[in-house]
Amino acid sequence: MSVQIVETAPFDGQKPGTSGLRKQVAVFQQSHYLENFVQSIFDTVDGFQGKTLVLGGDGRFHNDVAIQTILRMAAANGVGKVMVGQDGILSTPACSCVIRKHHTFGGIALSASHNPGGPDGDFGIKFNIGNGGPAPEKVTDAIYARSLAISRYRFMDAPVVDLSVLGTTQIGGMVVEVFDPVADYADQMASLFDFDAIRDLFHRGFRLRFDAMHAVCGPYARRIVEGMLEAPVGTVIHADPLPDFGGHHPDPNPVNAKDLIAFMNGPDATDMAAATDGDGDRNMIVGQGIAVTPSDSLAVLTANASLVPGYRDGVAGVARSMPTSAAVDRVADALGIPHYETPTGWKFFGNLLDDGRITFCGEESYGTSSRHIREKDGIWAILFWLNLLARTGDSVAGTMQKHWARFGRNYYSRHDYESIDSSRANALMDHLRSRLDSLPGQVFGALTVAEADEFAYTDPVDGSVSEHQGIRIFFTDGSRIVFRLSGTGTVGATLRVYFDRYDAERLDLEPQAALAHLIKAADDIAAIPAFTGLPGPTVVT
């Protein structure tokens, strides 16, 4: 085996977003594209030589090819050992778990999260640091800067590693360990939750429908839910990871999981349903006739933390991304614990978790987690709900009704305008920025603007500042609209508009009807149809 120095040239447009670098598969299949980015990681991050890295992905198309490339490059760059999930499979939360448990230098996760897979779909890569979380902005910015100047990469000429067989092999001086991707994660879940209580819940006839969407969580859910927790075989559907996710869009929300929603609204509905996304970090909780919003789920878990063994001592604090509804803030205030508002992007929770300031954190985009790892965690959230229902004996709908009766309800929705021409999307945001100073005091229907700003975040731990994180419009009744451009797509731009309205008395309104005045105000303030060219949102969640 020999190390080759391959001449290359930088590509444009390789800046990683909040969840790493995501592009269409065809882009990653270009000669040297993946190699350029991987070498930029090795050129930027200090101290990995001789250390251990974790590697794996969600099984999407190109996952197997990328892993073999990364292994050869890691060996050529002096990595001491790479731990690879069997068959290249490793969920994003399991990757964080393994990094932390085995005290590795970091890890490389291959996924485009909830984006579609297959030859015509998307692919992604990101670097996780030693705490198990996504690399902070100073690291991703440095990787991007290096990718713009790169002129060569290191590659070891070596045979393909058989990832189907557990055990160790060598590439040059580097050890490759193919490990069970489920074991460490399953052990961690068993240490946090009352598996005896959940097992008894299933033994009493409780029925769950778990849709793994032909993505990475299928093997995890089969082992934990059907195996360790003894739910009936067949509880987990779409359980085999497929390169194209079986044609599904592996994003667990009421739009992309509409069949699950329809099932839970029908005569054969189970007691609870749940779904996870492509790489296992997102979740959706559904009861009979009710889909729980991610904002409400975070609030419910925080309010009931002491019922779960891993959190019986309570919650130190909680954090949510800025677009997420303020439902959890009300819980935190009632519990007398601090709550934090961060930019979108899981890496912003890392410092708060490492500093012990928070126990739980969540985003409105179906991501929830805790201090146990440094990623959002879909199966963790589902197990938490199962543990909660096992302890209380309530249904999902009953749990939500009791929560709203105690804390009031934040009516909440997100409207997405997808695949907009980037120049039009940026023009809309510039238009909003130009109006910030003049909006306060203006009246839109029954709503009066109290304040308008562009969100900037100062990290309370390290003092770093993140600006231009979304435009917020606050109204005198406490309602709020947020406008933000998303970085998770691969074609054009996506405008996300978030609506949040609190009501302490009327708890059973239809959300879109409850938010109708805010939705109308958003169109009037931002001239959305004129700027986007779209008559309405592409997706409503």
Protein backbone atom coordinates (compact mmCIF):
# COMPACT_ATOMS: atom_id res chain seq x y z
CA MET A 1 0.00 0.00 0.00
CA SER A 2 1.34 3.41 -0.90
CA VAL A 3 0.31 6.99 -0.24
CA GLN A 4 -0.50 9.02 -3.33
CA ILE A 5 -0.48 12.80 -3.54
CA VAL A 6 -3.22 13.72 -5.99
CA GLU A 7 -3.30 17.16 -7.61
CA THR A 8 -6.68 18.85 -7.55
CA ALA A 9 -8.34 22.25 -7.77
CA PRO A 10 -10.99 23.84 -5.54
CA PHE A 11 -14.68 23.76 -6.39
CA ASP A 12 -17.06 26.63 -5.88
CA GLY A 13 -19.99 26.45 -3.51
CA GLN A 14 -18.65 24.04 -0.92
CA LYS A 15 -19.53 26.08 2.16
CA PRO A 16 -21.06 23.76 4.79
CA GLY A 17 -24.30 24.85 6.39
CA THR A 18 -25.54 24.22 9.91
CA SER A 19 -25.69 20.49 9.19
CA GLY A 20 -22.54 20.05 7.12
CA LEU A 21 -22.12 20.01 3.36
CA ARG A 22 -25.17 18.89 1.39
CA LYS A 23 -25.34 18.64 -2.37
CA GLN A 24 -27.01 16.50 -4.99
CA VAL A 25 -25.43 13.08 -5.46
CA ALA A 26 -24.24 14.06 -8.94
CA VAL A 27 -22.17 16.87 -7.41
CA PHE A 28 -20.46 14.50 -4.96
CA GLN A 29 -19.80 12.10 -7.83
CA GLN A 30 -17.61 14.65 -9.61
CA SER A 31 -13.95 13.73 -9.67
CA HIS A 32 -12.17 14.96 -6.53
CA TYR A 33 -15.26 16.67 -5.03
CA LEU A 34 -15.64 14.51 -1.93
CA GLU A 35 -11.87 14.15 -1.67
CA ASN A 36 -11.40 17.92 -1.65
CA PHE A 37 -13.76 18.37 1.25
CA VAL A 38 -12.39 15.47 3.26
CA GLN A 39 -8.81 16.65 2.78
CA SER A 40 -9.93 20.13 3.84
CA ILE A 41 -11.06 18.58 7.12
CA PHE A 42 -7.68 16.90 7.65
CA ASP A 43 -5.81 20.06 6.64
CA THR A 44 -7.82 22.18 9.07
CA VAL A 45 -8.34 20.09 12.20
CA ASP A 46 -5.23 19.64 14.38
CA GLY A 47 -4.29 16.64 16.49
CA PHE A 48 -6.04 13.74 14.73
CA GLN A 49 -2.84 11.90 13.79
CA GLY A 50 -2.72 8.55 15.58
CA LYS A 51 -6.17 9.12 17.09
CA THR A 52 -9.51 7.37 16.50
CA LEU A 53 -12.33 8.62 14.29
CA VAL A 54 -15.89 7.27 14.02
CA LEU A 55 -17.38 6.87 10.53
CA GLY A 56 -20.77 5.87 9.16
CA GLY A 57 -23.93 7.09 7.52
CA ASP A 58 -27.62 6.62 6.92
CA GLY A 59 -27.27 4.08 4.11
CA ARG A 60 -28.37 6.43 1.35
CA PHE A 61 -27.04 6.10 -2.20
CA HIS A 62 -23.26 6.78 -2.44
CA ASN A 63 -22.77 6.03 1.26
CA ASP A 64 -20.75 2.86 0.57
CA VAL A 65 -18.53 4.48 -2.05
CA ALA A 66 -17.84 7.53 0.13
CA ILE A 67 -16.87 5.41 3.14
CA GLN A 68 -14.21 3.51 1.18
CA THR A 69 -12.78 6.81 -0.09
CA ILE A 70 -12.68 8.32 3.39
CA LEU A 71 -10.99 5.23 4.85
CA ARG A 72 -8.18 5.42 2.29
CA MET A 73 -7.76 9.15 2.87
CA ALA A 74 -7.78 8.76 6.65
CA ALA A 75 -5.01 6.16 6.41
CA ALA A 76 -2.99 8.40 4.10
CA ASN A 77 -3.32 11.32 6.49
CA GLY A 78 -2.11 9.44 9.57
CA VAL A 79 -5.32 8.60 11.44
CA GLY A 80 -4.61 5.79 13.92
CA LYS A 81 -7.97 4.02 13.85
CA VAL A 82 -11.40 4.35 12.26
CA MET A 83 -14.48 2.77 13.82
CA VAL A 84 -17.03 2.06 11.05
CA GLY A 85 -20.60 0.95 11.57
CA GLN A 86 -21.33 -2.48 10.11
CA ASP A 87 -22.47 -2.18 6.46
CA GLY A 88 -21.60 1.51 6.73
CA ILE A 89 -24.71 2.13 8.86
CA LEU A 90 -24.57 4.56 11.77
CA SER A 91 -27.33 6.92 12.81
CA THR A 92 -26.33 10.48 13.63
CA PRO A 93 -27.30 10.17 17.34
CA ALA A 94 -25.48 6.82 17.55
CA CYS A 95 -22.40 8.45 16.02
CA SER A 96 -22.43 11.04 18.81
CA CYS A 97 -22.98 8.30 21.39
CA VAL A 98 -19.99 6.27 20.14
CA ILE A 99 -17.70 9.32 19.96
CA ARG A 100 -18.49 10.17 23.57
CA LYS A 101 -18.42 6.63 24.97
CA HIS A 102 -15.11 5.70 23.35
CA HIS A 103 -13.52 9.15 23.77
CA THR A 104 -12.56 9.36 20.11
CA PHE A 105 -11.08 12.42 18.45
CA GLY A 106 -14.29 12.96 16.51
CA GLY A 107 -16.27 11.48 13.67
CA ILE A 108 -17.42 11.89 10.10
CA ALA A 109 -21.15 11.41 9.53
CA LEU A 110 -22.48 10.82 6.02
CA SER A 111 -26.04 11.98 5.55
CA ALA A 112 -28.24 14.63 4.03
CA SER A 113 -30.58 14.09 6.99
CA HIS A 114 -34.22 14.34 5.87
CA ASN A 115 -33.47 15.09 2.20
CA PRO A 116 -34.46 12.51 -0.46
CA GLY A 117 -31.98 9.80 -1.42
CA GLY A 118 -31.18 7.72 -4.51
CA PRO A 119 -29.06 8.52 -7.58
CA ASP A 120 -31.12 11.67 -8.23
CA GLY A 121 -31.31 12.62 -4.55
CA ASP A 122 -28.95 14.28 -2.12
CA PHE A 123 -25.83 13.37 -0.19
CA GLY A 124 -24.04 15.03 2.71
CA ILE A 125 -21.03 14.95 4.98
CA LYS A 126 -20.17 16.64 8.26
CA PHE A 127 -17.43 16.54 10.87
CA ASN A 128 -18.28 16.01 14.54
CA ILE A 129 -15.83 17.05 17.22
CA GLY A 130 -14.75 15.19 20.35
CA ASN A 131 -17.83 16.12 22.40
CA GLY A 132 -19.92 14.23 19.84
CA GLY A 133 -21.54 17.33 18.37
CA PRO A 134 -21.36 19.10 15.02
CA ALA A 135 -18.25 21.19 14.51
CA PRO A 136 -18.75 24.82 15.60
CA GLU A 137 -18.80 27.67 13.09
CA LYS A 138 -15.12 28.54 13.56
CA VAL A 139 -14.22 25.00 12.45
CA THR A 140 -16.67 24.79 9.55
CA ASP A 141 -15.60 28.25 8.35
CA ALA A 142 -11.96 27.13 8.39
CA ILE A 143 -12.82 23.94 6.46
CA TYR A 144 -14.64 26.03 3.87
CA ALA A 145 -11.76 28.47 3.55
CA ARG A 146 -9.35 25.58 3.00
CA SER A 147 -11.63 24.04 0.36
CA LEU A 148 -11.30 27.25 -1.67
CA ALA A 149 -7.50 27.00 -1.76
CA ILE A 150 -6.83 23.25 -1.84
CA SER A 151 -4.41 21.98 -4.50
CA ARG A 152 -3.78 18.36 -3.48
CA TYR A 153 -5.10 15.53 -1.35
CA ARG A 154 -3.60 12.40 0.17
CA PHE A 155 -4.93 8.97 -0.77
CA MET A 156 -3.75 5.44 0.05
CA ASP A 157 -3.92 2.78 -2.64
CA ALA A 158 -5.65 -0.04 -0.73
CA PRO A 159 -8.24 -2.79 -1.30
CA VAL A 160 -11.90 -2.34 -0.42
CA VAL A 161 -12.72 -3.07 3.24
CA ASP A 162 -15.50 -5.62 3.77
CA LEU A 163 -17.93 -3.68 5.97
CA SER A 164 -20.31 -6.61 6.41
CA VAL A 165 -18.02 -8.49 8.79
CA LEU A 166 -17.49 -7.39 12.40
CA GLY A 167 -13.84 -7.19 13.42
CA THR A 168 -10.62 -5.37 12.62
CA THR A 169 -8.37 -5.04 9.59
CA GLN A 170 -5.57 -2.72 8.47
CA ILE A 171 -5.10 -0.08 5.83
CA GLY A 172 -1.39 0.67 5.97
CA GLY A 173 -0.72 1.61 9.57
CA MET A 174 -4.35 2.42 10.35
CA VAL A 175 -6.73 0.02 12.10
CA VAL A 176 -10.27 -0.27 10.73
CA GLU A 177 -12.78 -1.67 13.24
CA VAL A 178 -16.18 -2.66 11.87
CA PHE A 179 -18.48 -2.53 14.89
CA ASP A 180 -22.12 -3.16 15.78
CA PRO A 181 -23.73 0.27 15.17
CA VAL A 182 -26.69 -0.40 17.48
CA ALA A 183 -25.12 -1.89 20.63
CA ASP A 184 -23.64 1.17 22.37
CA TYR A 185 -26.67 3.30 21.54
CA ALA A 186 -29.13 0.66 22.77
CA ASP A 187 -27.20 0.34 26.03
CA GLN A 188 -27.38 4.09 26.52
CA MET A 189 -31.15 4.14 25.96
CA ALA A 190 -31.56 1.34 28.52
CA SER A 191 -29.62 3.43 31.05
CA LEU A 192 -31.94 6.44 30.62
CA PHE A 193 -35.41 4.93 30.40
CA ASP A 194 -37.47 2.48 32.45
CA PHE A 195 -37.44 -0.40 30.01
CA ASP A 196 -39.34 -2.61 32.46
CA ALA A 197 -42.23 -0.14 32.53
CA ILE A 198 -42.29 0.25 28.75
CA ARG A 199 -42.06 -3.53 28.28
CA ASP A 200 -45.02 -3.95 30.63
CA LEU A 201 -46.91 -1.30 28.64
CA PHE A 202 -46.57 -3.44 25.51
CA HIS A 203 -47.43 -6.59 27.43
CA ARG A 204 -50.69 -4.92 28.49
CA GLY A 205 -51.65 -4.50 24.87
CA PHE A 206 -50.38 -1.00 24.05
CA ARG A 207 -49.98 -0.69 20.28
CA LEU A 208 -47.31 1.37 18.53
CA ARG A 209 -46.74 1.96 14.84
CA PHE A 210 -43.11 3.02 14.23
CA ASP A 211 -42.34 4.17 10.69
CA ALA A 212 -38.58 4.03 10.07
CA MET A 213 -39.13 5.32 6.49
CA HIS A 214 -36.66 2.78 5.00
CA ALA A 215 -33.93 4.87 6.62
CA VAL A 216 -31.26 4.32 9.24
CA CYS A 217 -33.46 3.81 12.31
CA GLY A 218 -34.97 0.53 11.14
CA PRO A 219 -32.25 -1.68 12.67
CA TYR A 220 -32.20 0.42 15.84
CA ALA A 221 -35.97 0.30 16.31
CA ARG A 222 -36.16 -3.43 15.62
CA ARG A 223 -33.43 -4.17 18.18
CA ILE A 224 -34.74 -1.81 20.86
CA VAL A 225 -38.52 -1.66 20.38
CA GLU A 226 -39.30 -5.13 19.05
CA GLY A 227 -36.36 -6.83 20.77
CA MET A 228 -35.49 -5.29 24.12
CA LEU A 229 -38.96 -3.85 24.77
CA GLU A 230 -40.82 -6.86 23.33
CA ALA A 231 -43.28 -4.92 21.19
CA PRO A 232 -45.01 -7.23 18.69
CA VAL A 233 -43.04 -8.09 15.56
CA GLY A 234 -44.25 -5.78 12.83
CA THR A 235 -44.50 -2.76 15.13
CA VAL A 236 -41.67 -1.23 13.11
CA ILE A 237 -42.61 -0.68 9.47
CA HIS A 238 -40.39 0.30 6.54
CA ALA A 239 -37.55 -1.03 8.66
CA ASP A 240 -34.95 -1.98 6.04
CA PRO A 241 -32.57 0.89 5.12
CA LEU A 242 -32.62 1.42 1.36
CA PRO A 243 -30.35 3.64 -0.78
CA ASP A 244 -33.36 5.60 -2.04
CA PHE A 245 -35.43 5.23 1.16
CA GLY A 246 -37.92 3.20 -0.86
CA GLY A 247 -38.87 6.34 -2.75
CA HIS A 248 -40.00 8.03 0.46
CA HIS A 249 -39.05 11.55 1.45
CA PRO A 250 -37.58 10.60 4.84
CA ASP A 251 -38.75 13.69 6.69
CA PRO A 252 -41.13 12.87 9.56
CA ASN A 253 -43.82 15.53 9.35
CA PRO A 254 -47.55 15.46 8.56
CA VAL A 255 -46.86 16.15 4.87
CA ASN A 256 -44.23 13.53 4.10
CA ALA A 257 -45.67 10.99 6.55
CA LYS A 258 -49.24 11.59 5.40
CA ASP A 259 -50.01 7.85 5.27
CA LEU A 260 -49.12 7.55 8.95
CA ILE A 261 -51.29 10.54 9.79
CA ALA A 262 -54.18 9.07 7.80
CA PHE A 263 -53.76 5.74 9.59
CA MET A 264 -53.88 7.44 13.00
CA ASN A 265 -57.04 9.28 11.97
CA GLY A 266 -58.69 6.03 10.85
CA PRO A 267 -60.56 3.16 12.48
CA ASP A 268 -57.50 0.92 12.89
CA ALA A 269 -55.32 3.52 14.63
CA THR A 270 -52.84 2.27 17.20
CA ASP A 271 -52.39 3.94 20.59
CA MET A 272 -49.38 5.89 19.33
CA ALA A 273 -47.42 6.28 16.14
CA ALA A 274 -43.95 7.66 15.54
CA ALA A 275 -41.56 8.26 12.67
CA THR A 276 -37.88 9.03 12.27
CA ASP A 277 -35.95 10.62 9.42
CA GLY A 278 -33.09 9.64 7.12
CA ASP A 279 -30.27 9.72 9.66
CA GLY A 280 -32.30 9.16 12.81
CA ASP A 281 -32.08 12.56 14.46
CA ARG A 282 -35.65 13.75 13.85
CA ASN A 283 -38.91 12.37 15.20
CA MET A 284 -42.64 12.82 14.92
CA ILE A 285 -45.09 11.79 17.65
CA VAL A 286 -48.70 11.04 16.66
CA GLY A 287 -51.68 10.07 18.76
CA GLN A 288 -55.17 9.11 17.73
CA GLY A 289 -56.42 12.18 15.89
CA ILE A 290 -53.47 14.38 16.92
CA ALA A 291 -49.99 15.10 15.59
CA VAL A 292 -47.80 16.61 18.31
CA THR A 293 -45.79 19.61 17.18
CA PRO A 294 -42.05 19.47 17.94
CA SER A 295 -42.42 22.63 20.04
CA ASP A 296 -45.13 21.03 22.16
CA SER A 297 -43.16 17.79 22.44
CA LEU A 298 -40.14 19.61 23.89
CA ALA A 299 -42.41 21.37 26.36
CA VAL A 300 -44.12 18.13 27.45
CA LEU A 301 -40.83 16.28 27.95
CA THR A 302 -39.45 19.16 30.01
CA ALA A 303 -42.58 19.34 32.17
CA ASN A 304 -42.48 15.58 32.86
CA ALA A 305 -38.74 14.95 33.08
CA SER A 306 -38.79 13.66 36.64
CA LEU A 307 -40.98 10.70 35.61
CA VAL A 308 -38.07 9.23 33.61
CA PRO A 309 -35.15 7.57 35.47
CA GLY A 310 -32.39 9.37 33.58
CA TYR A 311 -33.86 12.75 34.56
CA ARG A 312 -35.42 12.04 37.95
CA ASP A 313 -33.28 14.79 39.51
CA GLY A 314 -34.90 17.41 37.31
CA VAL A 315 -33.81 19.76 34.56
CA ALA A 316 -30.98 22.28 34.86
CA GLY A 317 -32.29 24.39 32.00
CA VAL A 318 -33.68 24.13 28.49
CA ALA A 319 -32.86 25.67 25.12
CA ARG A 320 -34.78 26.01 21.89
CA SER A 321 -33.92 27.36 18.47
CA MET A 322 -35.25 30.85 17.84
CA PRO A 323 -37.99 29.79 15.36
CA THR A 324 -39.32 27.17 17.78
CA SER A 325 -42.45 28.23 19.64
CA ALA A 326 -42.22 29.65 23.15
CA ALA A 327 -44.19 26.72 24.65
CA VAL A 328 -41.15 25.39 26.50
CA ASP A 329 -40.36 28.86 27.87
CA ARG A 330 -43.63 28.77 29.79
CA VAL A 331 -42.74 25.39 31.27
CA ALA A 332 -39.27 26.63 32.23
CA ASP A 333 -40.74 29.70 33.93
CA ALA A 334 -43.16 27.52 35.89
CA LEU A 335 -40.32 25.20 36.96
CA GLY A 336 -38.04 28.12 37.83
CA ILE A 337 -35.26 27.03 35.46
CA PRO A 338 -33.41 29.09 32.82
CA HIS A 339 -34.33 28.90 29.15
CA TYR A 340 -32.21 29.94 26.18
CA GLU A 341 -33.01 30.98 22.61
CA THR A 342 -30.33 30.03 20.04
CA PRO A 343 -29.97 30.24 16.27
CA THR A 344 -31.12 27.32 14.16
CA GLY A 345 -28.47 24.59 14.04
CA TRP A 346 -27.80 21.91 16.62
CA LYS A 347 -24.21 23.00 17.15
CA PHE A 348 -25.45 26.08 19.00
CA PHE A 349 -26.68 23.86 21.85
CA GLY A 350 -23.25 22.28 22.33
CA ASN A 351 -21.68 24.91 24.57
CA LEU A 352 -24.79 25.13 26.76
CA LEU A 353 -24.81 21.35 27.20
CA ASP A 354 -21.06 21.11 27.84
CA ASP A 355 -21.29 23.90 30.40
CA GLY A 356 -24.12 22.15 32.26
CA ARG A 357 -26.56 25.02 31.70
CA ILE A 358 -29.24 22.91 30.03
CA THR A 359 -30.57 19.35 30.15
CA PHE A 360 -33.00 19.40 27.20
CA CYS A 361 -32.94 21.17 23.85
CA GLY A 362 -34.99 21.17 20.69
CA GLU A 363 -35.77 22.65 17.31
CA GLU A 364 -39.08 23.15 15.57
CA SER A 365 -37.89 20.95 12.69
CA TYR A 366 -38.73 17.75 14.58
CA GLY A 367 -35.49 17.55 16.54
CA THR A 368 -35.36 16.97 20.31
CA SER A 369 -32.63 15.69 22.61
CA SER A 370 -30.83 16.02 25.93
CA ARG A 371 -27.44 16.08 27.60
CA HIS A 372 -26.84 12.37 26.84
CA ILE A 373 -25.33 13.17 23.42
CA ARG A 374 -24.64 16.26 21.30
CA GLU A 375 -27.08 15.62 18.46
CA LYS A 376 -30.83 15.56 18.23
CA ASP A 377 -32.15 12.05 18.75
CA GLY A 378 -35.30 10.62 17.20
CA ILE A 379 -35.52 7.27 19.00
CA TRP A 380 -34.68 8.94 22.34
CA ALA A 381 -37.73 11.21 21.99
CA ILE A 382 -39.98 8.28 21.07
CA LEU A 383 -38.77 6.22 24.04
CA PHE A 384 -39.34 9.24 26.31
CA TRP A 385 -42.96 9.43 25.18
CA LEU A 386 -43.40 5.69 25.70
CA ASN A 387 -41.90 5.95 29.19
CA LEU A 388 -44.17 8.89 29.99
CA LEU A 389 -47.31 7.08 28.83
CA ALA A 390 -46.26 3.96 30.74
CA ARG A 391 -45.99 6.00 33.93
CA THR A 392 -49.14 8.10 33.58
CA GLY A 393 -51.52 5.75 31.79
CA ASP A 394 -52.65 8.66 29.60
CA SER A 395 -53.04 8.71 25.83
CA VAL A 396 -51.06 11.05 23.59
CA ALA A 397 -54.11 13.28 23.12
CA GLY A 398 -54.89 13.20 26.83
CA THR A 399 -51.33 14.16 27.67
CA MET A 400 -51.53 17.17 25.38
CA GLN A 401 -54.91 18.29 26.73
CA LYS A 402 -53.62 18.17 30.31
CA HIS A 403 -50.46 20.03 29.33
CA TRP A 404 -52.39 22.82 27.60
CA ALA A 405 -54.81 23.09 30.50
CA ARG A 406 -51.87 23.69 32.83
CA PHE A 407 -49.63 25.90 30.67
CA GLY A 408 -51.86 27.24 27.89
CA ARG A 409 -51.35 26.52 24.21
CA ASN A 410 -48.94 27.99 21.69
CA TYR A 411 -50.61 27.66 18.31
CA TYR A 412 -47.75 27.16 15.91
CA SER A 413 -47.08 26.46 12.25
CA ARG A 414 -44.31 26.67 9.64
CA HIS A 415 -44.94 27.58 6.02
CA ASP A 416 -42.18 26.62 3.57
CA TYR A 417 -41.66 28.18 0.14
CA GLU A 418 -39.26 25.78 -1.54
CA SER A 419 -36.85 25.99 -4.49
CA ILE A 420 -37.13 29.75 -4.85
CA ASP A 421 -34.61 31.52 -7.04
CA SER A 422 -31.93 32.62 -4.57
CA SER A 423 -31.88 36.20 -5.81
CA ARG A 424 -35.63 36.52 -5.25
CA ALA A 425 -35.35 35.02 -1.77
CA ASN A 426 -32.54 37.39 -0.82
CA ALA A 427 -34.50 40.33 -2.23
CA LEU A 428 -37.42 39.46 0.06
CA MET A 429 -35.15 39.38 3.10
CA ASP A 430 -33.54 42.69 2.10
CA HIS A 431 -37.02 44.16 1.74
CA LEU A 432 -37.86 43.05 5.27
CA ARG A 433 -34.60 44.47 6.65
CA SER A 434 -35.43 47.82 5.07
CA ARG A 435 -38.74 47.89 6.98
CA LEU A 436 -37.56 46.92 10.46
CA ASP A 437 -37.38 50.45 11.83
CA SER A 438 -40.72 51.52 10.37
CA LEU A 439 -42.82 48.48 11.30
CA PRO A 440 -43.38 49.12 15.04
CA GLY A 441 -46.78 50.74 15.53
CA GLN A 442 -48.13 49.64 12.16
CA VAL A 443 -51.48 47.83 12.15
CA PHE A 444 -52.23 44.71 10.10
CA GLY A 445 -55.86 43.72 10.54
CA ALA A 446 -56.35 43.14 14.27
CA LEU A 447 -52.59 43.02 14.92
CA THR A 448 -50.28 45.85 15.89
CA VAL A 449 -46.51 45.47 15.53
CA ALA A 450 -44.71 46.01 18.83
CA GLU A 451 -41.13 45.30 17.75
CA ALA A 452 -39.15 44.04 14.74
CA ASP A 453 -35.53 42.94 14.57
CA GLU A 454 -33.01 40.62 12.96
CA PHE A 455 -31.98 37.96 15.46
CA ALA A 456 -28.35 37.90 16.60
CA TYR A 457 -27.02 35.52 19.23
CA THR A 458 -24.20 35.98 21.70
CA ASP A 459 -23.12 32.64 23.13
CA PRO A 460 -23.27 32.96 26.94
CA VAL A 461 -20.40 30.49 27.33
CA ASP A 462 -17.71 31.63 24.88
CA GLY A 463 -19.02 35.05 23.83
CA SER A 464 -19.09 34.22 20.10
CA VAL A 465 -21.61 36.18 18.04
CA SER A 466 -23.83 34.83 15.26
CA GLU A 467 -25.70 37.46 13.26
CA HIS A 468 -28.38 37.46 10.54
CA GLN A 469 -30.23 34.49 12.03
CA GLY A 470 -33.75 35.42 10.96
CA ILE A 471 -36.14 38.36 11.05
CA ARG A 472 -38.65 38.53 13.90
CA ILE A 473 -41.90 40.50 14.01
CA PHE A 474 -43.50 40.77 17.46
CA PHE A 475 -47.07 41.96 18.00
CA THR A 476 -48.66 43.63 20.99
CA ASP A 477 -50.77 40.52 21.79
CA GLY A 478 -47.58 38.45 22.20
CA SER A 479 -47.83 36.75 18.81
CA ARG A 480 -44.78 36.43 16.58
CA ILE A 481 -43.79 35.85 12.95
CA VAL A 482 -40.28 34.75 11.95
CA PHE A 483 -38.81 34.83 8.45
CA ARG A 484 -35.71 32.77 7.71
CA LEU A 485 -33.89 31.33 4.71
CA SER A 486 -33.02 27.67 5.23
CA GLY A 487 -29.68 26.05 4.41
CA THR A 488 -30.87 22.41 4.35
CA GLY A 489 -31.96 22.23 0.72
CA THR A 490 -29.72 21.63 -2.29
CA VAL A 491 -31.66 23.42 -5.05
CA GLY A 492 -32.43 27.14 -4.88
CA ALA A 493 -33.49 28.69 -1.59
CA THR A 494 -36.22 27.82 0.90
CA LEU A 495 -38.06 30.57 2.72
CA ARG A 496 -39.46 29.43 6.05
CA VAL A 497 -42.13 31.52 7.75
CA TYR A 498 -43.01 30.63 11.36
CA PHE A 499 -46.16 31.62 13.23
CA ASP A 500 -46.53 31.50 17.02
CA ARG A 501 -49.58 32.64 18.99
CA TYR A 502 -50.36 31.91 22.66
CA ASP A 503 -53.86 31.29 24.03
CA ALA A 504 -54.55 30.34 27.64
CA GLU A 505 -58.28 29.69 27.21
CA ARG A 506 -59.24 28.45 23.73
CA LEU A 507 -57.30 25.20 23.54
CA ASP A 508 -59.05 23.28 20.76
CA LEU A 509 -58.87 25.58 17.76
CA GLU A 510 -57.67 24.34 14.37
CA PRO A 511 -54.09 25.71 14.19
CA GLN A 512 -54.26 27.30 10.72
CA ALA A 513 -57.53 29.00 11.63
CA ALA A 514 -56.07 30.17 14.95
CA LEU A 515 -53.13 31.67 13.06
CA ALA A 516 -55.09 33.14 10.14
CA HIS A 517 -54.53 36.79 11.15
CA LEU A 518 -50.77 36.18 11.47
CA ILE A 519 -50.62 34.39 8.12
CA LYS A 520 -52.37 37.32 6.42
CA ALA A 521 -50.07 39.79 8.16
CA ALA A 522 -46.99 37.90 6.94
CA ASP A 523 -48.10 38.22 3.31
CA ASP A 524 -48.84 41.94 3.80
CA ILE A 525 -45.53 42.66 5.52
CA ALA A 526 -43.23 40.63 3.27
CA ALA A 527 -45.13 40.59 -0.05
CA ILE A 528 -44.35 36.87 -0.24
CA PRO A 529 -46.22 36.03 -3.50
CA ALA A 530 -44.63 38.96 -5.31
CA PHE A 531 -41.08 38.10 -4.27
CA THR A 532 -41.27 34.30 -4.47
CA GLY A 533 -43.55 33.94 -7.47
CA LEU A 534 -45.53 31.36 -5.49
CA PRO A 535 -49.24 31.82 -4.70
CA GLY A 536 -48.85 29.99 -1.39
CA PRO A 537 -46.53 27.81 0.67
CA THR A 538 -45.18 24.57 -0.79
CA VAL A 539 -45.36 22.75 2.55
CA VAL A 540 -47.37 23.57 5.68
CA THR A 541 -46.44 21.88 8.96
